[in-house]
Amino acid sequence: MSLPQIPHSWRKSSRSSNQTDCVEVGCLDGGAAVRDTKDRSAGYFTTTSQQWSTFLNAVKTDRFS
């Protein structure tokens, strides 16, 4: 049984400057992790690489407008 991965290299958008009402994205082998900057201790959710790519593509093509 392998140990769960711990996300690393957390970052938030440069457009959020010093705001604290943001989300951060962390790196995982084969995916990404997302957490709320207002309550980092609340945990995070994870995605596969394919899920993350699909989400980013939807954002970039304004599917959430």
PDB file of N, CA and C in Angstrom:
ATOM      1  N   MET A   1       0.846  -1.178   0.000  1.00  0.00           N
ATOM      2  CA  MET A   1       0.000   0.000   0.000  1.00  0.00           C
ATOM      3  C   MET A   1       0.891   1.241   0.000  1.00  0.00           C
ATOM      4  N   SER A   2       0.623   2.165  -0.909  1.00  0.00           N
ATOM      5  CA  SER A   2       1.447   3.373  -0.988  1.00  0.00           C
ATOM      6  C   SER A   2       0.856   4.478  -0.114  1.00  0.00           C
ATOM      7  N   LEU A   3       1.717   5.342   0.338  1.00  0.00           N
ATOM      8  CA  LEU A   3       1.281   6.474   1.152  1.00  0.00           C
ATOM      9  C   LEU A   3       0.638   7.535   0.272  1.00  0.00           C
ATOM     10  N   PRO A   4      -0.353   8.266   0.804  1.00  0.00           N
ATOM     11  CA  PRO A   4      -0.965   9.330  -0.005  1.00  0.00           C
ATOM     12  C   PRO A   4       0.044  10.442  -0.300  1.00  0.00           C
ATOM     13  N   GLN A   5      -0.113  11.036  -1.430  1.00  0.00           N
ATOM     14  CA  GLN A   5       0.764  12.149  -1.803  1.00  0.00           C
ATOM     15  C   GLN A   5       0.394  13.398  -1.011  1.00  0.00           C
ATOM     16  N   ILE A   6       1.377  14.213  -0.772  1.00  0.00           N
ATOM     17  CA  ILE A   6       1.143  15.507  -0.145  1.00  0.00           C
ATOM     18  C   ILE A   6       1.367  16.571  -1.215  1.00  0.00           C
ATOM     19  N   PRO A   7       0.365  17.432  -1.451  1.00  0.00           N
ATOM     20  CA  PRO A   7       0.549  18.487  -2.456  1.00  0.00           C
ATOM     21  C   PRO A   7       1.720  19.397  -2.082  1.00  0.00           C
ATOM     22  N   HIS A   8       2.378  19.914  -3.088  1.00  0.00           N
ATOM     23  CA  HIS A   8       3.515  20.811  -2.849  1.00  0.00           C
ATOM     24  C   HIS A   8       3.462  21.968  -3.840  1.00  0.00           C
ATOM     25  N   SER A   9       4.294  22.933  -3.620  1.00  0.00           N
ATOM     26  CA  SER A   9       4.419  24.100  -4.509  1.00  0.00           C
ATOM     27  C   SER A   9       3.089  24.822  -4.693  1.00  0.00           C
ATOM     28  N   TRP A  10       2.375  25.050  -3.590  1.00  0.00           N
ATOM     29  CA  TRP A  10       1.095  25.753  -3.657  1.00  0.00           C
ATOM     30  C   TRP A  10       1.300  27.134  -4.254  1.00  0.00           C
ATOM     31  N   ARG A  11       0.331  27.557  -5.091  1.00  0.00           N
ATOM     32  CA  ARG A  11       0.404  28.900  -5.682  1.00  0.00           C
ATOM     33  C   ARG A  11      -1.009  29.403  -5.960  1.00  0.00           C
ATOM     34  N   LYS A  12      -1.129  30.711  -5.993  1.00  0.00           N
ATOM     35  CA  LYS A  12      -2.406  31.314  -6.375  1.00  0.00           C
ATOM     36  C   LYS A  12      -2.147  32.263  -7.520  1.00  0.00           C
ATOM     37  N   SER A  13      -3.193  32.688  -8.157  1.00  0.00           N
ATOM     38  CA  SER A  13      -3.065  33.541  -9.325  1.00  0.00           C
ATOM     39  C   SER A  13      -2.340  34.832  -8.984  1.00  0.00           C
ATOM     40  N   SER A  14      -1.487  35.266  -9.875  1.00  0.00           N
ATOM     41  CA  SER A  14      -0.809  36.552  -9.682  1.00  0.00           C
ATOM     42  C   SER A  14      -1.810  37.697  -9.736  1.00  0.00           C
ATOM     43  N   ARG A  15      -2.957  37.476 -10.347  1.00  0.00           N
ATOM     44  CA  ARG A  15      -4.001  38.508 -10.422  1.00  0.00           C
ATOM     45  C   ARG A  15      -4.685  38.737  -9.081  1.00  0.00           C
ATOM     46  N   SER A  16      -4.504  37.841  -8.137  1.00  0.00           N
ATOM     47  CA  SER A  16      -5.155  38.014  -6.839  1.00  0.00           C
ATOM     48  C   SER A  16      -4.320  38.856  -5.881  1.00  0.00           C
ATOM     49  N   SER A  17      -3.147  39.263  -6.286  1.00  0.00           N
ATOM     50  CA  SER A  17      -2.207  40.088  -5.503  1.00  0.00           C
ATOM     51  C   SER A  17      -2.236  39.715  -4.031  1.00  0.00           C
ATOM     52  N   ASN A  18      -2.616  40.625  -3.155  1.00  0.00           N
ATOM     53  CA  ASN A  18      -2.590  40.346  -1.716  1.00  0.00           C
ATOM     54  C   ASN A  18      -3.943  39.932  -1.156  1.00  0.00           C
ATOM     55  N   GLN A  19      -4.881  39.582  -2.012  1.00  0.00           N
ATOM     56  CA  GLN A  19      -6.202  39.141  -1.554  1.00  0.00           C
ATOM     57  C   GLN A  19      -6.087  37.805  -0.824  1.00  0.00           C
ATOM     58  N   THR A  20      -6.976  37.600   0.145  1.00  0.00           N
ATOM     59  CA  THR A  20      -6.986  36.316   0.858  1.00  0.00           C
ATOM     60  C   THR A  20      -8.208  35.478   0.511  1.00  0.00           C
ATOM     61  N   ASP A  21      -9.105  35.996  -0.315  1.00  0.00           N
ATOM     62  CA  ASP A  21     -10.296  35.242  -0.720  1.00  0.00           C
ATOM     63  C   ASP A  21     -10.037  34.584  -2.068  1.00  0.00           C
ATOM     64  N   CYS A  22      -9.154  33.621  -2.074  1.00  0.00           N
ATOM     65  CA  CYS A  22      -8.716  33.003  -3.320  1.00  0.00           C
ATOM     66  C   CYS A  22      -8.632  31.496  -3.128  1.00  0.00           C
ATOM     67  N   VAL A  23      -8.311  30.825  -4.203  1.00  0.00           N
ATOM     68  CA  VAL A  23      -7.968  29.416  -4.118  1.00  0.00           C
ATOM     69  C   VAL A  23      -6.506  29.267  -4.513  1.00  0.00           C
ATOM     70  N   GLU A  24      -5.901  28.224  -4.018  1.00  0.00           N
ATOM     71  CA  GLU A  24      -4.519  27.898  -4.368  1.00  0.00           C
ATOM     72  C   GLU A  24      -4.503  26.525  -5.021  1.00  0.00           C
ATOM     73  N   VAL A  25      -3.548  26.326  -5.889  1.00  0.00           N
ATOM     74  CA  VAL A  25      -3.375  25.053  -6.572  1.00  0.00           C
ATOM     75  C   VAL A  25      -2.025  24.476  -6.169  1.00  0.00           C
ATOM     76  N   GLY A  26      -2.029  23.223  -5.783  1.00  0.00           N
ATOM     77  CA  GLY A  26      -0.800  22.527  -5.433  1.00  0.00           C
ATOM     78  C   GLY A  26      -0.514  21.419  -6.429  1.00  0.00           C
ATOM     79  N   CYS A  27       0.745  21.086  -6.574  1.00  0.00           N
ATOM     80  CA  CYS A  27       1.164  20.040  -7.513  1.00  0.00           C
ATOM     81  C   CYS A  27       1.075  18.661  -6.870  1.00  0.00           C
ATOM     82  N   LEU A  28       0.627  17.710  -7.658  1.00  0.00           N
ATOM     83  CA  LEU A  28       0.629  16.289  -7.306  1.00  0.00           C
ATOM     84  C   LEU A  28       1.138  15.526  -8.511  1.00  0.00           C
ATOM     85  N   ASP A  29       1.778  14.403  -8.285  1.00  0.00           N
ATOM     86  CA  ASP A  29       2.149  13.555  -9.409  1.00  0.00           C
ATOM     87  C   ASP A  29       0.852  13.064 -10.043  1.00  0.00           C
ATOM     88  N   GLY A  30       0.634  13.396 -11.294  1.00  0.00           N
ATOM     89  CA  GLY A  30      -0.560  12.938 -11.985  1.00  0.00           C
ATOM     90  C   GLY A  30      -1.813  13.724 -11.692  1.00  0.00           C
ATOM     91  N   GLY A  31      -1.686  14.969 -11.202  1.00  0.00           N
ATOM     92  CA  GLY A  31      -2.886  15.757 -10.938  1.00  0.00           C
ATOM     93  C   GLY A  31      -2.591  17.060 -10.235  1.00  0.00           C
ATOM     94  N   ALA A  32      -3.629  17.570  -9.567  1.00  0.00           N
ATOM     95  CA  ALA A  32      -3.514  18.842  -8.857  1.00  0.00           C
ATOM     96  C   ALA A  32      -4.372  18.784  -7.599  1.00  0.00           C
ATOM     97  N   ALA A  33      -4.076  19.664  -6.659  1.00  0.00           N
ATOM     98  CA  ALA A  33      -4.872  19.819  -5.437  1.00  0.00           C
ATOM     99  C   ALA A  33      -5.314  21.278  -5.365  1.00  0.00           C
ATOM    100  N   VAL A  34      -6.507  21.515  -4.822  1.00  0.00           N
ATOM    101  CA  VAL A  34      -7.053  22.869  -4.731  1.00  0.00           C
ATOM    102  C   VAL A  34      -7.537  23.103  -3.300  1.00  0.00           C
ATOM    103  N   ARG A  35      -7.220  24.288  -2.749  1.00  0.00           N
ATOM    104  CA  ARG A  35      -7.681  24.633  -1.405  1.00  0.00           C
ATOM    105  C   ARG A  35      -8.054  26.109  -1.339  1.00  0.00           C
ATOM    106  N   ASP A  36      -8.800  26.459  -0.315  1.00  0.00           N
ATOM    107  CA  ASP A  36      -9.265  27.819  -0.071  1.00  0.00           C
ATOM    108  C   ASP A  36      -8.231  28.550   0.785  1.00  0.00           C
ATOM    109  N   THR A  37      -7.812  29.743   0.374  1.00  0.00           N
ATOM    110  CA  THR A  37      -6.800  30.474   1.142  1.00  0.00           C
ATOM    111  C   THR A  37      -7.352  31.009   2.467  1.00  0.00           C
ATOM    112  N   LYS A  38      -8.674  31.154   2.583  1.00  0.00           N
ATOM    113  CA  LYS A  38      -9.251  31.651   3.840  1.00  0.00           C
ATOM    114  C   LYS A  38      -9.137  30.632   4.962  1.00  0.00           C
ATOM    115  N   ASP A  39      -9.073  29.343   4.610  1.00  0.00           N
ATOM    116  CA  ASP A  39      -9.007  28.295   5.632  1.00  0.00           C
ATOM    117  C   ASP A  39      -8.206  27.120   5.105  1.00  0.00           C
ATOM    118  N   ARG A  40      -6.913  27.303   5.047  1.00  0.00           N
ATOM    119  CA  ARG A  40      -6.037  26.263   4.501  1.00  0.00           C
ATOM    120  C   ARG A  40      -6.095  24.972   5.309  1.00  0.00           C
ATOM    121  N   SER A  41      -6.415  25.081   6.588  1.00  0.00           N
ATOM    122  CA  SER A  41      -6.459  23.893   7.438  1.00  0.00           C
ATOM    123  C   SER A  41      -7.705  23.044   7.174  1.00  0.00           C
ATOM    124  N   ALA A  42      -8.652  23.540   6.386  1.00  0.00           N
ATOM    125  CA  ALA A  42      -9.872  22.788   6.083  1.00  0.00           C
ATOM    126  C   ALA A  42      -9.615  21.652   5.102  1.00  0.00           C
ATOM    127  N   GLY A  43      -8.428  21.622   4.534  1.00  0.00           N
ATOM    128  CA  GLY A  43      -8.099  20.551   3.597  1.00  0.00           C
ATOM    129  C   GLY A  43      -8.145  21.002   2.155  1.00  0.00           C
ATOM    130  N   TYR A  44      -8.156  20.049   1.260  1.00  0.00           N
ATOM    131  CA  TYR A  44      -8.111  20.324  -0.169  1.00  0.00           C
ATOM    132  C   TYR A  44      -8.773  19.184  -0.907  1.00  0.00           C
ATOM    133  N   PHE A  45      -9.105  19.427  -2.167  1.00  0.00           N
ATOM    134  CA  PHE A  45      -9.579  18.322  -3.000  1.00  0.00           C
ATOM    135  C   PHE A  45      -8.561  18.093  -4.099  1.00  0.00           C
ATOM    136  N   THR A  46      -8.565  16.902  -4.631  1.00  0.00           N
ATOM    137  CA  THR A  46      -7.587  16.540  -5.654  1.00  0.00           C
ATOM    138  C   THR A  46      -8.285  16.203  -6.964  1.00  0.00           C
ATOM    139  N   THR A  47      -7.547  16.349  -8.048  1.00  0.00           N
ATOM    140  CA  THR A  47      -8.021  16.004  -9.378  1.00  0.00           C
ATOM    141  C   THR A  47      -6.940  15.197 -10.086  1.00  0.00           C
ATOM    142  N   THR A  48      -7.369  14.463 -11.076  1.00  0.00           N
ATOM    143  CA  THR A  48      -6.398  13.791 -11.946  1.00  0.00           C
ATOM    144  C   THR A  48      -5.886  14.810 -12.959  1.00  0.00           C
ATOM    145  N   SER A  49      -4.873  14.455 -13.681  1.00  0.00           N
ATOM    146  CA  SER A  49      -4.361  15.343 -14.732  1.00  0.00           C
ATOM    147  C   SER A  49      -5.428  15.627 -15.780  1.00  0.00           C
ATOM    148  N   GLN A  50      -6.181  14.600 -16.164  1.00  0.00           N
ATOM    149  CA  GLN A  50      -7.229  14.782 -17.168  1.00  0.00           C
ATOM    150  C   GLN A  50      -8.332  15.702 -16.658  1.00  0.00           C
ATOM    151  N   GLN A  51      -8.759  15.528 -15.418  1.00  0.00           N
ATOM    152  CA  GLN A  51      -9.792  16.409 -14.848  1.00  0.00           C
ATOM    153  C   GLN A  51      -9.308  17.851 -14.795  1.00  0.00           C
ATOM    154  N   TRP A  52      -8.076  18.043 -14.391  1.00  0.00           N
ATOM    155  CA  TRP A  52      -7.526  19.399 -14.284  1.00  0.00           C
ATOM    156  C   TRP A  52      -7.433  20.041 -15.664  1.00  0.00           C
ATOM    157  N   SER A  53      -6.975  19.297 -16.653  1.00  0.00           N
ATOM    158  CA  SER A  53      -6.885  19.825 -18.023  1.00  0.00           C
ATOM    159  C   SER A  53      -8.258  20.198 -18.562  1.00  0.00           C
ATOM    160  N   THR A  54      -9.247  19.362 -18.301  1.00  0.00           N
ATOM    161  CA  THR A  54     -10.617  19.645 -18.750  1.00  0.00           C
ATOM    162  C   THR A  54     -11.142  20.914 -18.095  1.00  0.00           C
ATOM    163  N   PHE A  55     -10.904  21.063 -16.795  1.00  0.00           N
ATOM    164  CA  PHE A  55     -11.340  22.261 -16.074  1.00  0.00           C
ATOM    165  C   PHE A  55     -10.659  23.513 -16.637  1.00  0.00           C
ATOM    166  N   LEU A  56      -9.353  23.472 -16.802  1.00  0.00           N
ATOM    167  CA  LEU A  56      -8.627  24.638 -17.324  1.00  0.00           C
ATOM    168  C   LEU A  56      -9.095  25.003 -18.718  1.00  0.00           C
ATOM    169  N   ASN A  57      -9.328  24.009 -19.554  1.00  0.00           N
ATOM    170  CA  ASN A  57      -9.832  24.273 -20.902  1.00  0.00           C
ATOM    171  C   ASN A  57     -11.198  24.955 -20.835  1.00  0.00           C
ATOM    172  N   ALA A  58     -12.067  24.515 -19.937  1.00  0.00           N
ATOM    173  CA  ALA A  58     -13.390  25.129 -19.785  1.00  0.00           C
ATOM    174  C   ALA A  58     -13.277  26.578 -19.339  1.00  0.00           C
ATOM    175  N   VAL A  59     -12.352  26.868 -18.437  1.00  0.00           N
ATOM    176  CA  VAL A  59     -12.147  28.251 -17.988  1.00  0.00           C
ATOM    177  C   VAL A  59     -11.649  29.106 -19.142  1.00  0.00           C
ATOM    178  N   LYS A  60     -10.663  28.600 -19.857  1.00  0.00           N
ATOM    179  CA  LYS A  60     -10.062  29.368 -20.952  1.00  0.00           C
ATOM    180  C   LYS A  60     -11.021  29.630 -22.109  1.00  0.00           C
ATOM    181  N   THR A  61     -12.020  28.771 -22.266  1.00  0.00           N
ATOM    182  CA  THR A  61     -12.976  28.949 -23.372  1.00  0.00           C
ATOM    183  C   THR A  61     -14.305  29.525 -22.886  1.00  0.00           C
ATOM    184  N   ASP A  62     -14.303  30.115 -21.709  1.00  0.00           N
ATOM    185  CA  ASP A  62     -15.478  30.800 -21.148  1.00  0.00           C
ATOM    186  C   ASP A  62     -16.726  29.930 -21.012  1.00  0.00           C
ATOM    187  N   ARG A  63     -16.545  28.673 -20.722  1.00  0.00           N
ATOM    188  CA  ARG A  63     -17.717  27.803 -20.549  1.00  0.00           C
ATOM    189  C   ARG A  63     -18.476  28.106 -19.265  1.00  0.00           C
ATOM    190  N   PHE A  64     -17.890  28.876 -18.346  1.00  0.00           N
ATOM    191  CA  PHE A  64     -18.555  29.204 -17.089  1.00  0.00           C
ATOM    192  C   PHE A  64     -19.201  30.576 -17.107  1.00  0.00           C
ATOM    193  N   SER A  65     -19.210  31.227 -18.248  1.00  0.00           N
ATOM    194  CA  SER A  65     -19.786  32.569 -18.342  1.00  0.00           C
ATOM    195  C   SER A  65     -21.294  32.519 -18.331  1.00  0.00           C
TER     196      SER A  65
END
